[in-house]
N, C-alpha and C. Protein backbone atom coordinates (compact mmCIF):
# COMPACT_ATOMS: atom_id res chain seq x y z
N MET A 1 113.06 126.52 136.89
CA MET A 1 114.10 126.06 135.99
C MET A 1 113.72 126.49 134.57
N ALA A 2 114.41 127.46 134.03
CA ALA A 2 114.08 128.01 132.72
C ALA A 2 114.80 127.26 131.61
N GLY A 3 114.10 127.08 130.49
CA GLY A 3 114.72 126.53 129.29
C GLY A 3 115.23 125.11 129.40
N ARG A 4 114.51 124.27 130.08
CA ARG A 4 114.95 122.87 130.23
C ARG A 4 114.94 122.17 128.88
N ARG A 5 116.03 121.49 128.58
CA ARG A 5 116.15 120.79 127.30
C ARG A 5 115.73 119.34 127.43
N GLY A 6 115.32 118.79 126.31
CA GLY A 6 114.94 117.39 126.27
C GLY A 6 116.10 116.54 125.81
N ALA A 7 115.80 115.31 125.51
CA ALA A 7 116.80 114.35 125.06
C ALA A 7 116.73 114.19 123.55
N LEU A 8 117.85 113.91 122.96
CA LEU A 8 117.93 113.60 121.54
C LEU A 8 118.33 112.14 121.43
N ILE A 9 117.49 111.35 120.82
CA ILE A 9 117.77 109.92 120.64
C ILE A 9 117.99 109.69 119.15
N VAL A 10 119.12 109.10 118.81
CA VAL A 10 119.47 108.87 117.41
C VAL A 10 119.53 107.37 117.15
N LEU A 11 118.86 106.94 116.10
CA LEU A 11 118.93 105.55 115.67
C LEU A 11 119.73 105.50 114.38
N GLU A 12 120.80 104.74 114.38
CA GLU A 12 121.63 104.62 113.18
C GLU A 12 121.65 103.19 112.71
N GLY A 13 121.82 103.02 111.43
CA GLY A 13 121.90 101.68 110.86
C GLY A 13 121.84 101.75 109.34
N VAL A 14 122.07 100.63 108.73
CA VAL A 14 122.06 100.56 107.27
C VAL A 14 120.63 100.67 106.76
N ASP A 15 120.49 100.93 105.46
CA ASP A 15 119.17 101.02 104.83
C ASP A 15 118.41 99.73 105.05
N ARG A 16 117.11 99.88 105.29
CA ARG A 16 116.18 98.76 105.44
C ARG A 16 116.42 97.94 106.71
N ALA A 17 117.05 98.54 107.72
CA ALA A 17 117.34 97.82 108.97
C ALA A 17 116.19 97.94 109.98
N GLY A 18 115.21 98.80 109.72
CA GLY A 18 114.08 98.96 110.63
C GLY A 18 114.15 100.18 111.51
N LYS A 19 115.01 101.14 111.16
CA LYS A 19 115.15 102.35 111.99
C LYS A 19 113.85 103.13 112.07
N SER A 20 113.15 103.27 110.97
CA SER A 20 111.89 104.03 110.96
C SER A 20 110.84 103.35 111.83
N THR A 21 110.74 102.05 111.71
CA THR A 21 109.78 101.29 112.51
C THR A 21 110.08 101.44 113.99
N GLN A 22 111.34 101.27 114.37
CA GLN A 22 111.71 101.40 115.78
C GLN A 22 111.53 102.83 116.28
N GLY A 23 111.82 103.80 115.42
CA GLY A 23 111.62 105.20 115.78
C GLY A 23 110.16 105.50 116.06
N ARG A 24 109.27 105.02 115.18
CA ARG A 24 107.83 105.23 115.38
C ARG A 24 107.37 104.57 116.68
N ARG A 25 107.84 103.36 116.93
CA ARG A 25 107.46 102.67 118.17
C ARG A 25 107.95 103.41 119.40
N LEU A 26 109.16 103.93 119.35
CA LEU A 26 109.71 104.67 120.46
C LEU A 26 108.90 105.94 120.73
N VAL A 27 108.57 106.68 119.68
CA VAL A 27 107.78 107.90 119.83
C VAL A 27 106.41 107.56 120.42
N GLU A 28 105.77 106.50 119.93
CA GLU A 28 104.47 106.09 120.46
C GLU A 28 104.57 105.76 121.95
N ALA A 29 105.61 105.04 122.35
CA ALA A 29 105.79 104.66 123.76
C ALA A 29 106.04 105.89 124.62
N LEU A 30 106.87 106.80 124.15
CA LEU A 30 107.15 108.01 124.91
C LEU A 30 105.90 108.86 125.08
N ARG A 31 105.14 109.01 124.02
CA ARG A 31 103.90 109.78 124.10
C ARG A 31 102.88 109.12 125.03
N ALA A 32 102.82 107.79 124.98
CA ALA A 32 101.90 107.06 125.86
C ALA A 32 102.26 107.29 127.33
N ASP A 33 103.54 107.52 127.60
CA ASP A 33 104.00 107.81 128.97
C ASP A 33 103.87 109.28 129.32
N GLY A 34 103.31 110.08 128.41
CA GLY A 34 103.08 111.49 128.69
C GLY A 34 104.20 112.43 128.30
N HIS A 35 105.19 111.93 127.58
CA HIS A 35 106.31 112.77 127.14
C HIS A 35 105.99 113.39 125.78
N ARG A 36 106.54 114.55 125.53
CA ARG A 36 106.46 115.15 124.21
C ARG A 36 107.55 114.53 123.36
N ALA A 37 107.21 114.03 122.21
CA ALA A 37 108.20 113.37 121.36
C ALA A 37 107.89 113.64 119.90
N ASP A 38 108.93 113.89 119.13
CA ASP A 38 108.81 114.11 117.69
C ASP A 38 109.76 113.17 116.98
N LEU A 39 109.37 112.73 115.80
CA LEU A 39 110.20 111.85 114.99
C LEU A 39 110.69 112.62 113.77
N LEU A 40 111.98 112.67 113.59
CA LEU A 40 112.58 113.26 112.39
C LEU A 40 113.32 112.16 111.66
N ARG A 41 113.15 112.11 110.36
CA ARG A 41 113.82 111.11 109.54
C ARG A 41 114.60 111.81 108.44
N PHE A 42 115.81 111.35 108.23
CA PHE A 42 116.64 111.90 107.17
C PHE A 42 117.22 110.79 106.34
N PRO A 43 117.33 110.96 105.04
CA PRO A 43 117.03 112.20 104.35
C PRO A 43 115.53 112.44 104.28
N GLU A 44 115.16 113.71 104.32
CA GLU A 44 113.79 114.14 104.12
C GLU A 44 113.60 114.19 102.61
N ARG A 45 112.95 113.19 102.06
CA ARG A 45 112.92 112.97 100.61
C ARG A 45 111.88 113.80 99.86
N THR A 46 111.15 114.66 100.55
CA THR A 46 110.12 115.45 99.86
C THR A 46 110.66 116.76 99.30
N THR A 47 111.88 117.14 99.69
CA THR A 47 112.47 118.38 99.18
C THR A 47 113.28 118.07 97.92
N GLU A 48 113.67 119.12 97.22
CA GLU A 48 114.47 118.93 96.00
C GLU A 48 115.80 118.24 96.34
N ILE A 49 116.45 118.69 97.40
CA ILE A 49 117.71 118.07 97.81
C ILE A 49 117.46 116.64 98.26
N GLY A 50 116.38 116.42 98.99
CA GLY A 50 116.04 115.07 99.44
C GLY A 50 115.80 114.12 98.27
N ARG A 51 115.15 114.62 97.23
CA ARG A 51 114.92 113.76 96.06
C ARG A 51 116.23 113.43 95.35
N LEU A 52 117.17 114.37 95.34
CA LEU A 52 118.48 114.12 94.74
C LEU A 52 119.23 113.05 95.55
N ILE A 53 119.19 113.17 96.87
CA ILE A 53 119.82 112.16 97.74
C ILE A 53 119.16 110.81 97.52
N SER A 54 117.85 110.80 97.44
CA SER A 54 117.12 109.55 97.23
C SER A 54 117.55 108.87 95.93
N SER A 55 117.69 109.66 94.87
CA SER A 55 118.10 109.08 93.58
C SER A 55 119.53 108.52 93.67
N TYR A 56 120.36 109.15 94.47
CA TYR A 56 121.72 108.63 94.70
C TYR A 56 121.65 107.31 95.46
N LEU A 57 120.85 107.27 96.52
CA LEU A 57 120.74 106.05 97.33
C LEU A 57 120.14 104.89 96.56
N LEU A 58 119.27 105.21 95.60
CA LEU A 58 118.67 104.17 94.76
C LEU A 58 119.55 103.82 93.55
N LYS A 59 120.76 104.39 93.54
CA LYS A 59 121.73 104.16 92.46
C LYS A 59 121.22 104.60 91.09
N GLU A 60 120.35 105.60 91.09
CA GLU A 60 119.86 106.17 89.84
C GLU A 60 120.75 107.32 89.38
N LYS A 61 121.50 107.89 90.32
CA LYS A 61 122.36 109.02 90.03
C LYS A 61 123.71 108.78 90.69
N ASN A 62 124.78 109.08 89.97
CA ASN A 62 126.13 108.91 90.50
C ASN A 62 126.66 110.28 90.92
N LEU A 63 126.96 110.41 92.21
CA LEU A 63 127.47 111.67 92.74
C LEU A 63 128.78 111.42 93.49
N GLU A 64 129.63 112.41 93.51
CA GLU A 64 130.91 112.32 94.23
C GLU A 64 130.63 112.32 95.73
N ASP A 65 131.44 111.56 96.50
CA ASP A 65 131.20 111.37 97.93
C ASP A 65 131.10 112.68 98.71
N HIS A 66 131.97 113.64 98.44
CA HIS A 66 131.93 114.92 99.15
C HIS A 66 130.63 115.66 98.85
N THR A 67 130.17 115.54 97.64
CA THR A 67 128.91 116.18 97.24
C THR A 67 127.75 115.59 98.04
N VAL A 68 127.72 114.28 98.15
CA VAL A 68 126.65 113.60 98.90
C VAL A 68 126.68 114.04 100.36
N HIS A 69 127.86 114.12 100.93
CA HIS A 69 128.01 114.55 102.32
C HIS A 69 127.39 115.95 102.51
N LEU A 70 127.70 116.86 101.61
CA LEU A 70 127.17 118.22 101.69
C LEU A 70 125.66 118.25 101.47
N LEU A 71 125.17 117.38 100.59
CA LEU A 71 123.73 117.31 100.35
C LEU A 71 122.98 116.84 101.60
N PHE A 72 123.54 115.85 102.30
CA PHE A 72 122.91 115.39 103.55
C PHE A 72 122.86 116.52 104.56
N SER A 73 123.94 117.28 104.67
CA SER A 73 123.98 118.42 105.60
C SER A 73 122.94 119.46 105.20
N ALA A 74 122.87 119.78 103.92
CA ALA A 74 121.90 120.76 103.43
C ALA A 74 120.47 120.28 103.68
N ASN A 75 120.23 118.99 103.54
CA ASN A 75 118.91 118.42 103.77
C ASN A 75 118.47 118.62 105.22
N ARG A 76 119.40 118.50 106.14
CA ARG A 76 119.06 118.74 107.56
C ARG A 76 118.77 120.22 107.80
N TRP A 77 119.54 121.10 107.18
CA TRP A 77 119.31 122.54 107.34
C TRP A 77 117.97 122.95 106.75
N GLU A 78 117.54 122.26 105.69
CA GLU A 78 116.23 122.56 105.11
C GLU A 78 115.14 122.39 106.16
N HIS A 79 115.31 121.41 107.00
CA HIS A 79 114.29 121.10 108.00
C HIS A 79 114.21 122.16 109.10
N VAL A 80 115.35 122.83 109.35
CA VAL A 80 115.38 123.86 110.39
C VAL A 80 114.44 124.98 110.00
C-alpha cells in the first residue's frame, strides 16, 4: 500500500480554552501508543505575519476583518 495518509485532528475553540494543552496531551498519548504525531499551532506567532496577527488578537492593532482572514491564511502558508 503506497502513500498511506494519516489523520488530521483539529481542535477548535475560543482563546484560552485549553486547545494547546489538549493538543499536547493528545500528541503525547498518540506517541506513547507508537504513532507518529506532530502538533501544529496557529497562528504561528514567531513569524512577521504571526506577530501582526498576535498584536491584532491582543487588541494592540486594529485591522479590517478581511485583512485578518488573509493574514491567517498567509500564516499557514508560511509553515508549508
